[in-house]
Amino acid sequence: MSVLKKRTLEDNIIELINQIFNEILRIRSAQRIVDDKISYIESDINKIKMDLRYITTHIEEIYEQIALGSRVKLSTNTEIEQHKGVLKTTAIKGYKEENDAKNKGNTFKLNKTDRLILKVLIETPELGKLGASKIASAIGKGREHTTRRLKTLTDIGYLVRDETKWPYEYKISESKTEEIMKIV
């Protein structure tokens, strides 16, 4: 083979290698763009999921209010009874009936969110130290809704809230642990 043919062949091979290298770079660049777009889409999907959970939670609350609304209408037509100087009230939206003492013989019906919160805090107590936002993420509910339920659970004694720290820390009440284990 002549020297000229060898040189031309080498030049052609080098040119092909450069073309292949440039094509690989173009493909990698396109892949990065696709990865970025997938990341944006995943982010949008997660936002939609959170919005859907929020809507679902509010629909559940509306159904609860409608169901309890008929009971409230019935109770407003009757006279308010007074027994031993204590005003008896009708339970609304899953809150306890108030009697003499805060925790004496009260009735409280836990909803699905309450059970989820208690279950998560029993299984992973360290999550309670991270605040309501992390608990909400763990149970798949909105932060506002979860915060309201955490306050309610604290008010009735199922949880203990440390308000000296931010975000507030929540833990299962030691006095109610056995009762909670039966519920969850």
Foldseek 3Di string as FASTA:
>chain_A
DDPVVVVVVVVVVVVVVVVVVVVVVVVVVVVVVVVVVVVVVVVVVVVVLLVVQAVVVVVVQVVQQVVCVVVVVVVVVDDFDADPNFTWDDDGSQAWIDDDDLQPPIDGDDDPLLLLLLVCCVVPVVQLVVAQVSSCVVSSHDSVVSVVSQVRCVSNQQWPWDPVDPPIGIHGHPVCVVVSVVVD
